[in-house]
């Protein structure tokens, strides 16, 4: 398997997802702006989204994929299919039960996150209603995560990468076609979340049938627990839950702090977060997706040289693309926010207020992406405890930084804390890999890094100068011109960065690699 080509294919699907996501967010900003009801939706969606990442994507995938790869390589198709059936049954039933508890306990959970909420009682009622409606989303996404783990192990990456597009399409349809007909338009987004979840489940079924791995569910919620493979997954998942919880708890605490900073702060942080997720998904998530099955196979085969070489390739590619992304976002924060969101009810003050946390995120973007490249190296070793210990320490560091930053720079301090904490996380993960002898850097890292920094500095200077030539707020009256100006700045930065690297001797063939 050509890893660079596979990465390009996954990134193209992810790019489609992020483009539709940006269109969704642009329409959302135009229709709803940044206020009490947008805060209500963002907070309402944060809780089921937290549990989705906890049960469905994060902890589950980290524990399941390496064991599934082991079964596939050593125990044959029948045993692998039985493991998938039993794991699916346990996971789906667990998330259904959690969803029911969430529906009943929504007011209490929201009080713990947002306190008394908005000064508008109707916005608080809307928050509870939307939370209850969206809680079952985690059951849908648990099945989607299971399917993604299976398909990625079979090296069928395109469907899992494309799946999030369906949620974005559903949310866009909700804004355009449903919201105008509702007494409370923001409810259209909560309804669209559930429709998107069902669509994401539906698209998995044909792909799983094609490889003969569509799980069979039982009416017995605990039936799968008798399988020793399921118990292994749960045993590995327990510390992984702590690791993912540490990150998600930090996000929940940040949401709570932002909600108490005043109306609009949750929305400003969310808009910045949306833009930060674009390079994170295109680089970090895509690399992690293809590295975990390949590293797991190298582990099963006992090929330590291949294991280390895969990591080296992933780290070089991460830095090659993450460093310019971070610099570009930092120098073009206002142009990006203004061009994408400054329409309708989204005002000029919202542009400035959203740009500040975006710049803060950019400081730690490289660390955020590196974590998604380094962590799979531990998961493939079925070592989840080490990332857990690191994540728990990083969670404490994040909150200490919040105490230091938020009083001075407000909501931007929350983003800065997350970014710097991710850099700490990446640093400890890297040292752990080196200390255990899992990773041995190949020659040439010094020259490689110096060239990247030089190219990124020249690109950043050019991007800063180019962005300063336009009044991005005034260009609201000329949206096509503003879009053209942004593309000109971004295109110029890309030409300078890669042009400098080419002049310094970089070639695409140097990053081609095949997985065994």
Protein backbone atom coordinates (compact mmCIF):
# COMPACT_ATOMS: atom_id res chain seq x y z
CA UNK A 1 0.00 0.00 0.00
CA UNK A 2 1.38 3.39 -1.03
CA UNK A 3 1.01 5.42 2.16
CA UNK A 4 1.39 8.83 0.50
CA UNK A 5 -1.25 8.00 -2.09
CA UNK A 6 -3.55 6.61 0.62
CA UNK A 7 -3.00 9.73 2.71
CA UNK A 8 -3.90 11.88 -0.30
CA UNK A 9 -7.08 9.86 -0.86
CA UNK A 10 -8.14 10.14 2.80
CA UNK A 11 -7.23 13.82 2.92
CA UNK A 12 -9.28 14.49 -0.21
CA UNK A 13 -12.33 12.91 1.43
CA UNK A 14 -11.57 14.78 4.63
CA UNK A 15 -11.16 17.99 2.64
CA UNK A 16 -14.63 17.47 1.18
CA UNK A 17 -15.91 16.99 4.72
CA UNK A 18 -14.19 20.16 5.93
CA UNK A 19 -15.31 22.23 2.94
CA UNK A 20 -18.92 21.24 3.55
CA UNK A 21 -18.27 21.90 7.24
CA UNK A 22 -17.05 25.41 6.49
CA UNK A 23 -20.07 26.00 4.27
CA UNK A 24 -22.24 24.77 7.13
CA UNK A 25 -20.54 27.12 9.59
CA UNK A 26 -20.77 30.06 7.18
CA UNK A 27 -24.51 29.52 6.76
CA UNK A 28 -24.87 28.99 10.52
CA UNK A 29 -23.10 32.27 11.28
CA UNK A 30 -25.21 34.12 8.71
CA UNK A 31 -28.49 32.65 10.00
CA UNK A 32 -27.88 32.65 13.75
CA UNK A 33 -24.87 34.90 14.50
CA UNK A 34 -23.29 34.59 17.96
CA UNK A 35 -25.65 34.95 20.90
CA UNK A 36 -27.72 33.18 23.53
CA UNK A 37 -29.33 30.66 21.18
CA UNK A 38 -26.14 29.78 19.31
CA UNK A 39 -24.45 29.32 22.69
CA UNK A 40 -27.39 27.08 23.66
CA UNK A 41 -26.93 24.86 20.61
CA UNK A 42 -23.15 24.67 20.98
CA UNK A 43 -23.43 23.72 24.65
CA UNK A 44 -26.25 21.24 23.95
CA UNK A 45 -24.23 19.54 21.23
CA UNK A 46 -21.05 19.54 23.30
CA UNK A 47 -22.34 16.94 25.78
CA UNK A 48 -23.39 14.17 23.34
CA UNK A 49 -20.35 15.05 21.22
CA UNK A 50 -18.14 14.54 24.28
CA UNK A 51 -19.62 11.10 24.88
CA UNK A 52 -19.35 10.27 21.17
CA UNK A 53 -15.63 10.93 21.27
CA UNK A 54 -15.34 9.07 24.55
CA UNK A 55 -17.27 5.90 23.71
CA UNK A 56 -17.36 5.80 19.95
CA UNK A 57 -14.27 7.29 18.40
CA UNK A 58 -11.46 7.93 20.84
CA UNK A 59 -11.16 5.29 23.53
CA UNK A 60 -12.95 2.60 21.57
CA UNK A 61 -10.91 2.90 18.38
CA UNK A 62 -7.62 2.99 20.27
CA UNK A 63 -8.45 -0.27 22.05
CA UNK A 64 -10.32 -2.08 19.27
CA UNK A 65 -8.22 -1.62 16.12
CA UNK A 66 -4.94 -3.20 17.37
CA UNK A 67 -6.81 -6.24 18.75
CA UNK A 68 -8.88 -6.56 15.58
CA UNK A 69 -5.68 -6.45 13.50
CA UNK A 70 -4.20 -9.17 15.69
CA UNK A 71 -7.26 -11.40 15.22
CA UNK A 72 -7.25 -10.81 11.46
CA UNK A 73 -3.56 -11.73 11.17
CA UNK A 74 -3.47 -14.68 13.57
CA UNK A 75 -6.93 -16.19 14.13
CA UNK A 76 -8.69 -16.10 10.78
CA UNK A 77 -11.89 -14.65 9.34
CA UNK A 78 -14.43 -16.53 11.48
CA UNK A 79 -12.89 -15.53 14.82
CA UNK A 80 -12.48 -11.95 13.59
CA UNK A 81 -16.15 -11.78 12.53
CA UNK A 82 -17.29 -13.14 15.91
CA UNK A 83 -15.17 -10.55 17.72
CA UNK A 84 -16.73 -7.76 15.64
CA UNK A 85 -20.25 -9.09 16.35
CA UNK A 86 -19.71 -9.27 20.09
CA UNK A 87 -17.93 -5.92 20.34
CA UNK A 88 -20.67 -4.25 18.28
CA UNK A 89 -23.39 -5.67 20.50
CA UNK A 90 -21.67 -4.48 23.69
CA UNK A 91 -20.84 -1.01 22.35
CA UNK A 92 -24.22 -0.24 20.81
CA UNK A 93 -26.20 -1.40 23.85
CA UNK A 94 -23.92 0.57 26.20
CA UNK A 95 -24.40 3.80 24.23
CA UNK A 96 -28.18 3.27 23.97
CA UNK A 97 -28.38 3.00 27.77
CA UNK A 98 -26.16 6.08 28.19
CA UNK A 99 -28.40 7.96 25.76
CA UNK A 100 -31.49 7.17 27.83
CA UNK A 101 -29.74 8.35 31.00
CA UNK A 102 -28.68 11.52 29.19
CA UNK A 103 -32.21 12.29 28.07
CA UNK A 104 -33.51 11.95 31.63
CA UNK A 105 -30.63 13.80 33.29
CA UNK A 106 -30.09 16.55 30.68
CA UNK A 107 -31.03 19.50 32.98
CA UNK A 108 -28.58 18.38 35.65
CA UNK A 109 -25.75 17.75 33.19
CA UNK A 110 -26.26 21.15 31.56
CA UNK A 111 -26.27 22.87 34.94
CA UNK A 112 -22.88 21.30 35.70
CA UNK A 113 -21.51 22.55 32.36
CA UNK A 114 -23.11 25.97 31.96
CA UNK A 115 -24.36 26.84 35.44
CA UNK A 116 -27.58 28.82 35.26
CA UNK A 117 -26.97 29.42 31.55
CA UNK A 118 -28.27 32.47 29.73
CA UNK A 119 -30.31 35.31 31.22
CA UNK A 120 -32.98 34.34 28.68
CA UNK A 121 -35.13 31.50 30.16
CA UNK A 122 -36.30 30.48 26.68
CA UNK A 123 -32.68 29.97 25.56
CA UNK A 124 -32.13 27.70 28.57
CA UNK A 125 -35.27 25.71 27.73
CA UNK A 126 -34.03 25.39 24.16
CA UNK A 127 -30.70 24.08 25.44
CA UNK A 128 -32.38 21.28 27.42
CA UNK A 129 -34.70 20.35 24.54
CA UNK A 130 -31.84 20.15 22.02
CA UNK A 131 -29.64 18.14 24.39
CA UNK A 132 -32.38 15.55 24.84
CA UNK A 133 -33.01 15.31 21.13
CA UNK A 134 -29.31 14.90 20.26
CA UNK A 135 -28.25 12.46 22.98
CA UNK A 136 -29.06 9.33 20.90
CA UNK A 137 -26.53 10.62 18.36
CA UNK A 138 -23.83 8.80 20.35
CA UNK A 139 -25.48 5.41 19.67
CA UNK A 140 -25.39 6.13 15.93
CA UNK A 141 -21.78 7.22 16.09
CA UNK A 142 -20.71 4.20 18.14
CA UNK A 143 -21.74 2.00 15.22
CA UNK A 144 -20.00 4.36 12.78
CA UNK A 145 -16.77 4.18 14.83
CA UNK A 146 -16.96 0.37 14.91
CA UNK A 147 -17.47 0.30 11.17
CA UNK A 148 -14.58 2.72 10.66
CA UNK A 149 -12.26 0.54 12.73
CA UNK A 150 -13.21 -2.54 10.71
CA UNK A 151 -12.96 -0.83 7.31
CA UNK A 152 -9.62 0.82 8.16
CA UNK A 153 -8.21 -2.55 9.27
CA UNK A 154 -9.26 -3.93 5.88
CA UNK A 155 -7.59 -0.79 4.43
CA UNK A 156 -10.88 0.53 3.10
CA UNK A 157 -10.33 4.15 4.12
CA UNK A 158 -12.61 6.14 1.82
CA UNK A 159 -16.05 5.47 3.34
CA UNK A 160 -14.97 6.32 6.93
CA UNK A 161 -13.28 9.49 5.65
CA UNK A 162 -16.35 10.50 3.62
CA UNK A 163 -18.94 9.74 6.30
CA UNK A 164 -18.77 13.13 8.15
CA UNK A 165 -19.85 14.85 4.93
CA UNK A 166 -23.35 13.47 5.51
CA UNK A 167 -23.67 15.26 8.85
CA UNK A 168 -22.61 18.53 7.23
CA UNK A 169 -25.11 18.08 4.39
CA UNK A 170 -27.86 17.39 6.92
CA UNK A 171 -26.97 20.51 8.94
CA UNK A 172 -26.85 22.66 5.78
CA UNK A 173 -30.26 21.33 4.73
CA UNK A 174 -31.58 22.13 8.19
CA UNK A 175 -30.44 25.75 7.92
CA UNK A 176 -31.72 26.29 4.37
CA UNK A 177 -34.94 24.29 4.28
CA UNK A 178 -36.15 23.62 7.84
CA UNK A 179 -35.11 26.59 9.99
CA UNK A 180 -37.34 29.17 8.19
CA UNK A 181 -40.42 27.08 9.02
CA UNK A 182 -39.77 26.67 12.76
CA UNK A 183 -40.88 29.03 15.50
CA UNK A 184 -37.42 28.59 17.05
CA UNK A 185 -35.07 28.27 14.02
CA UNK A 186 -32.08 26.90 15.98
CA UNK A 187 -34.05 23.68 16.60
CA UNK A 188 -33.44 22.80 12.95
CA UNK A 189 -29.79 22.15 13.80
CA UNK A 190 -30.60 19.69 16.58
CA UNK A 191 -32.99 17.80 14.30
CA UNK A 192 -30.37 17.79 11.54
CA UNK A 193 -27.77 16.28 13.90
CA UNK A 194 -29.96 13.22 14.45
CA UNK A 195 -30.80 12.90 10.74
CA UNK A 196 -27.08 13.15 9.96
CA UNK A 197 -26.30 10.43 12.50
CA UNK A 198 -28.78 8.04 10.87
CA UNK A 199 -27.38 8.81 7.42
CA UNK A 200 -23.85 8.06 8.63
CA UNK A 201 -25.01 4.68 9.93
CA UNK A 202 -26.76 3.87 6.65
CA UNK A 203 -23.69 4.47 4.46
CA UNK A 204 -21.61 1.98 6.47
CA UNK A 205 -23.85 -1.02 5.79
CA UNK A 206 -23.04 -1.68 2.09
CA UNK A 207 -19.29 -1.30 2.72
CA UNK A 208 -19.40 -3.79 5.61
CA UNK A 209 -21.52 -6.24 3.62
CA UNK A 210 -19.00 -6.07 0.77
CA UNK A 211 -16.16 -7.35 2.98
CA UNK A 212 -18.41 -9.76 4.88
CA UNK A 213 -18.09 -7.94 8.20
CA UNK A 214 -21.55 -6.48 8.88
CA UNK A 215 -22.00 -7.05 12.64
CA UNK A 216 -24.98 -8.99 13.96
CA UNK A 217 -26.61 -7.46 17.04
CA UNK A 218 -28.33 -9.42 19.80
CA UNK A 219 -31.28 -8.50 22.00
CA UNK A 220 -29.13 -9.54 24.96
CA UNK A 221 -27.17 -6.42 26.08
CA UNK A 222 -24.52 -8.48 27.92
CA UNK A 223 -24.28 -11.37 25.47
CA UNK A 224 -20.94 -10.26 24.03
CA UNK A 225 -19.24 -9.99 27.40
CA UNK A 226 -18.57 -13.74 27.45
CA UNK A 227 -16.12 -13.31 24.55
CA UNK A 228 -12.52 -13.04 25.87
CA UNK A 229 -11.72 -10.71 22.96
CA UNK A 230 -14.43 -8.31 24.09
CA UNK A 231 -13.06 -8.38 27.62
CA UNK A 232 -9.60 -7.58 26.23
CA UNK A 233 -11.02 -4.62 24.32
CA UNK A 234 -12.83 -3.37 27.44
CA UNK A 235 -9.71 -3.85 29.54
CA UNK A 236 -7.69 -1.77 27.07
CA UNK A 237 -10.54 0.68 26.70
CA UNK A 238 -10.72 1.50 30.42
CA UNK A 239 -7.42 3.44 30.53
CA UNK A 240 -8.16 4.83 27.07
CA UNK A 241 -11.40 6.28 28.47
CA UNK A 242 -9.31 8.11 31.04
CA UNK A 243 -7.00 9.46 28.32
CA UNK A 244 -9.83 10.69 26.12
CA UNK A 245 -11.73 11.90 29.18
CA UNK A 246 -8.81 14.11 30.16
CA UNK A 247 -8.98 15.94 26.83
CA UNK A 248 -12.75 16.09 26.76
CA UNK A 249 -13.04 17.17 30.40
CA UNK A 250 -10.69 20.05 29.58
CA UNK A 251 -13.00 21.01 26.70
CA UNK A 252 -16.04 20.84 28.98
CA UNK A 253 -14.29 22.97 31.60
CA UNK A 254 -13.33 25.45 28.88
CA UNK A 255 -16.94 25.57 27.70
CA UNK A 256 -18.05 26.24 31.27
CA UNK A 257 -15.50 29.04 31.66
CA UNK A 258 -16.43 30.53 28.27
CA UNK A 259 -20.15 30.43 29.14
CA UNK A 260 -19.43 32.37 32.32
CA UNK A 261 -17.34 34.99 30.52
CA UNK A 262 -20.49 36.36 28.93
CA UNK A 263 -22.86 35.95 26.01
CA UNK A 264 -21.19 35.06 22.72
CA UNK A 265 -17.95 33.68 24.15
CA UNK A 266 -18.91 30.03 23.63
CA UNK A 267 -19.77 30.79 20.01
CA UNK A 268 -16.55 32.75 19.37
CA UNK A 269 -14.50 29.88 20.74
CA UNK A 270 -16.52 27.42 18.65
CA UNK A 271 -15.98 29.32 15.39
CA UNK A 272 -12.22 29.40 16.04
CA UNK A 273 -12.29 25.71 16.94
CA UNK A 274 -14.01 24.90 13.64
CA UNK A 275 -11.19 26.48 11.65
CA UNK A 276 -8.52 24.83 13.78
CA UNK A 277 -10.12 21.44 13.09
CA UNK A 278 -9.52 21.78 9.34
CA UNK A 279 -5.73 21.18 9.37
CA UNK A 280 -6.10 18.88 12.38
CA UNK A 281 -8.37 16.56 10.43
CA UNK A 282 -6.56 16.84 7.11
CA UNK A 283 -3.17 16.07 8.65
CA UNK A 284 -3.43 14.60 12.15
CA UNK A 285 -6.58 12.51 11.85
CA UNK A 286 -5.74 11.29 8.34
CA UNK A 287 -2.19 10.30 9.35
CA UNK A 288 -3.39 8.61 12.52
CA UNK A 289 -6.01 6.71 10.52
CA UNK A 290 -3.50 5.11 8.17
CA UNK A 291 -0.68 4.73 10.71
CA UNK A 292 -2.59 2.77 13.36
CA UNK A 293 -3.44 -0.29 11.17
CA UNK A 294 0.04 -0.25 9.57
CA UNK A 295 1.81 0.05 12.93
CA UNK A 296 -0.42 -2.67 14.39
CA UNK A 297 0.54 -5.01 11.55
CA UNK A 298 4.26 -4.24 12.01
CA UNK A 299 3.86 -5.00 15.71
CA UNK A 300 2.14 -8.34 15.02
CA UNK A 301 4.88 -9.20 12.49
CA UNK A 302 7.61 -8.26 14.99
CA UNK A 303 9.17 -5.86 12.44
CA UNK A 304 10.68 -3.17 14.69
CA UNK A 305 12.59 -1.50 11.84
CA UNK A 306 9.40 -1.04 9.83
CA UNK A 307 7.62 0.25 12.94
CA UNK A 308 10.23 2.94 13.56
CA UNK A 309 10.45 3.86 9.88
CA UNK A 310 6.68 4.34 9.66
CA UNK A 311 6.83 6.69 12.63
CA UNK A 312 9.72 8.64 11.14
CA UNK A 313 7.82 9.08 7.88
CA UNK A 314 4.70 10.21 9.76
CA UNK A 315 6.56 12.75 11.88
CA UNK A 316 8.39 14.30 8.94
CA UNK A 317 5.19 14.61 6.94
CA UNK A 318 3.39 16.08 9.96
CA UNK A 319 5.96 18.82 10.44
CA UNK A 320 6.19 19.48 6.70
CA UNK A 321 2.49 20.37 6.58
CA UNK A 322 1.58 21.39 10.16
CA UNK A 323 4.16 24.15 10.60
CA UNK A 324 3.01 26.21 7.58
CA UNK A 325 -0.63 25.59 8.52
CA UNK A 326 -0.02 27.03 12.00
CA UNK A 327 1.85 30.05 10.65
CA UNK A 328 -0.77 30.64 7.95
CA UNK A 329 -3.67 30.54 10.41
CA UNK A 330 -1.88 32.92 12.78
CA UNK A 331 -1.20 35.60 10.16
CA UNK A 332 -4.55 35.22 8.38
CA UNK A 333 -6.91 34.77 11.34
CA UNK A 334 -8.97 37.89 10.66
CA UNK A 335 -9.15 37.30 6.88
CA UNK A 336 -10.28 33.71 7.46
CA UNK A 337 -12.95 34.55 10.04
CA UNK A 338 -14.21 37.56 8.07
CA UNK A 339 -14.39 35.78 4.71
CA UNK A 340 -16.07 32.67 6.05
CA UNK A 341 -18.44 34.01 8.72
CA UNK A 342 -18.89 37.80 8.47
CA UNK A 343 -22.39 37.79 6.96
CA UNK A 344 -25.94 38.22 8.19
CA UNK A 345 -26.13 38.33 11.99
CA UNK A 346 -22.38 37.76 12.42
CA UNK A 347 -21.05 41.25 13.17
CA UNK A 348 -17.66 42.97 12.96
CA UNK A 349 -17.08 42.59 16.69
CA UNK A 350 -17.65 38.85 16.29
CA UNK A 351 -14.86 38.74 13.69
CA UNK A 352 -12.32 40.26 16.06
CA UNK A 353 -13.56 38.24 19.03
CA UNK A 354 -13.32 34.93 17.08
CA UNK A 355 -9.95 35.76 15.55
CA UNK A 356 -8.22 36.07 18.93
CA UNK A 357 -8.78 32.43 20.02
CA UNK A 358 -7.93 31.30 16.48
CA UNK A 359 -4.49 32.94 16.73
CA UNK A 360 -4.09 31.34 20.15
CA UNK A 361 -4.96 27.92 18.75
CA UNK A 362 -2.37 28.39 16.01
CA UNK A 363 0.39 28.64 18.63
CA UNK A 364 -0.17 25.00 19.58
CA UNK A 365 -1.53 23.60 16.31
CA UNK A 366 1.63 21.67 15.48
CA UNK A 367 1.48 20.02 18.90
CA UNK A 368 -2.21 19.14 18.45
CA UNK A 369 -1.44 17.40 15.16
CA UNK A 370 1.72 15.69 16.45
CA UNK A 371 -0.27 14.07 19.26
CA UNK A 372 -2.49 12.39 16.66
CA UNK A 373 0.62 11.03 14.93
CA UNK A 374 2.52 9.94 18.06
CA UNK A 375 -0.31 8.41 20.10
CA UNK A 376 -1.03 5.58 17.59
CA UNK A 377 2.54 4.36 18.18
CA UNK A 378 1.52 3.48 21.75
CA UNK A 379 -1.92 2.15 20.83
CA UNK A 380 -0.44 -0.22 18.23
CA UNK A 381 1.78 -1.59 21.02
CA UNK A 382 -1.43 -2.07 23.04
CA UNK A 383 0.10 0.34 25.55
CA UNK A 384 -2.66 2.73 26.50
CA UNK A 385 -1.55 3.41 30.05
CA UNK A 386 1.37 5.64 29.03
CA UNK A 387 -0.78 8.08 26.99
CA UNK A 388 -3.30 8.03 29.85
CA UNK A 389 -0.76 9.15 32.42
CA UNK A 390 0.48 11.85 30.09
CA UNK A 391 -3.05 13.03 29.27
CA UNK A 392 -4.02 13.30 32.93
CA UNK A 393 -0.94 15.40 33.66
CA UNK A 394 -1.66 17.57 30.64
CA UNK A 395 -5.24 18.11 31.81
CA UNK A 396 -3.94 19.54 35.08
CA UNK A 397 -1.45 21.71 33.18
CA UNK A 398 -4.25 22.98 30.92
CA UNK A 399 -6.32 24.21 33.84
CA UNK A 400 -3.32 25.82 35.53
CA UNK A 401 -2.63 27.70 32.28
CA UNK A 402 -6.30 28.73 32.15
CA UNK A 403 -5.85 30.34 35.56
CA UNK A 404 -2.84 32.24 34.22
CA UNK A 405 -4.16 33.28 30.78
CA UNK A 406 -7.95 33.79 30.97
CA UNK A 407 -7.89 36.79 33.35
CA UNK A 408 -5.68 38.66 30.87
CA UNK A 409 -6.83 37.60 27.39
CA UNK A 410 -10.29 36.17 28.03
CA UNK A 411 -11.61 33.40 25.83
CA UNK A 412 -8.37 33.38 23.79
CA UNK A 413 -6.64 32.13 26.94
CA UNK A 414 -8.70 28.95 26.78
CA UNK A 415 -7.49 28.24 23.24
CA UNK A 416 -3.90 29.07 24.15
CA UNK A 417 -4.01 26.66 27.09
CA UNK A 418 -5.26 23.82 24.87
CA UNK A 419 -2.57 24.46 22.25
CA UNK A 420 0.33 24.70 24.69
CA UNK A 421 -0.92 21.64 26.59
CA UNK A 422 -0.97 19.69 23.31
CA UNK A 423 2.67 20.64 22.75
CA UNK A 424 3.48 19.29 26.22
CA UNK A 425 1.55 16.13 25.40
CA UNK A 426 3.45 15.64 22.14
CA UNK A 427 6.78 16.22 23.87
CA UNK A 428 6.12 13.60 26.54
CA UNK A 429 4.83 11.08 23.99
CA UNK A 430 7.97 11.57 21.89
CA UNK A 431 10.28 11.13 24.88
CA UNK A 432 8.36 8.00 25.88
CA UNK A 433 8.87 6.45 22.45
CA UNK A 434 12.58 7.27 22.48
CA UNK A 435 13.06 6.02 26.06
CA UNK A 436 11.47 2.65 25.22
CA UNK A 437 13.53 2.27 22.05
CA UNK A 438 10.37 2.12 19.92
CA UNK A 439 11.42 4.99 17.68
CA UNK A 440 14.88 5.65 16.26
CA UNK A 441 15.04 8.84 14.13
CA UNK A 442 16.56 8.36 10.69
CA UNK A 443 19.47 10.62 9.66
CA UNK A 444 18.95 14.16 8.37
CA UNK A 445 16.50 15.58 10.90
CA UNK A 446 18.59 18.66 11.71
CA UNK A 447 18.83 19.94 8.14
CA UNK A 448 15.21 18.96 7.49
CA UNK A 449 13.91 21.05 10.41
CA UNK A 450 16.07 24.11 9.63
CA UNK A 451 14.78 24.16 6.05
CA UNK A 452 11.17 23.94 7.25
CA UNK A 453 11.60 26.82 9.67
CA UNK A 454 13.25 29.02 7.03
CA UNK A 455 10.49 28.37 4.51
CA UNK A 456 7.76 28.94 7.12
CA UNK A 457 9.29 32.26 8.26
CA UNK A 458 9.45 33.60 4.71
CA UNK A 459 5.90 32.41 4.07
CA UNK A 460 4.66 34.00 7.31
CA UNK A 461 6.23 37.37 6.52
CA UNK A 462 4.68 37.37 3.04
CA UNK A 463 1.28 36.28 4.41
CA UNK A 464 1.30 38.99 7.08
CA UNK A 465 2.16 41.67 4.51
CA UNK A 466 -0.45 40.41 2.04
CA UNK A 467 -3.22 40.25 4.65
CA UNK A 468 -2.47 43.82 5.77
CA UNK A 469 -3.24 45.17 2.28
CA UNK A 470 -7.01 44.63 2.61
CA UNK A 471 -9.76 45.95 4.89
CA UNK A 472 -11.43 42.60 5.53
CA UNK A 473 -14.35 44.07 7.47
CA UNK A 474 -15.20 46.69 4.83
CA UNK A 475 -15.05 44.03 2.11
CA UNK A 476 -18.26 42.56 3.52
CA UNK A 477 -20.04 44.62 0.87
CA UNK A 478 -18.00 42.85 -1.84
CA UNK A 479 -17.97 39.17 -0.81
CA UNK A 480 -16.58 37.82 -4.09
CA UNK A 481 -13.69 40.29 -3.94
CA UNK A 482 -13.04 39.28 -0.33
CA UNK A 483 -12.99 35.59 -1.26
CA UNK A 484 -10.61 36.36 -4.13
CA UNK A 485 -8.31 38.34 -1.83
CA UNK A 486 -8.20 35.47 0.68
CA UNK A 487 -7.40 32.95 -2.05
CA UNK A 488 -4.67 35.28 -3.32
CA UNK A 489 -3.06 35.49 0.14
CA UNK A 490 -3.33 31.73 0.74
CA UNK A 491 -2.09 30.88 -2.75
CA UNK A 492 0.84 33.25 -2.44
CA UNK A 493 1.81 31.71 0.91
CA UNK A 494 1.68 28.19 -0.53
CA UNK A 495 3.80 29.16 -3.54
CA UNK A 496 6.43 30.81 -1.36
CA UNK A 497 6.58 27.95 1.16
CA UNK A 498 6.85 25.09 -1.30
CA UNK A 499 8.96 27.15 -3.69
CA UNK A 500 11.55 27.74 -0.97
CA UNK A 501 11.52 24.04 -0.07
CA UNK A 502 12.03 23.05 -3.70
CA UNK A 503 14.93 25.49 -3.95
CA UNK A 504 16.41 23.89 -0.82
CA UNK A 505 16.25 20.42 -2.36
CA UNK A 506 12.91 18.98 -1.21
CA UNK A 507 11.29 16.52 -3.64
CA UNK A 508 7.92 14.74 -3.46
CA UNK A 509 9.55 11.36 -4.01
CA UNK A 510 11.40 11.75 -0.71
CA UNK A 511 8.07 11.31 1.12
CA UNK A 512 6.77 8.31 -0.79
CA UNK A 513 6.51 5.16 1.27
CA UNK A 514 4.86 1.78 1.02
CA UNK A 515 3.45 -0.17 3.97
CA UNK A 516 4.28 -3.86 4.03
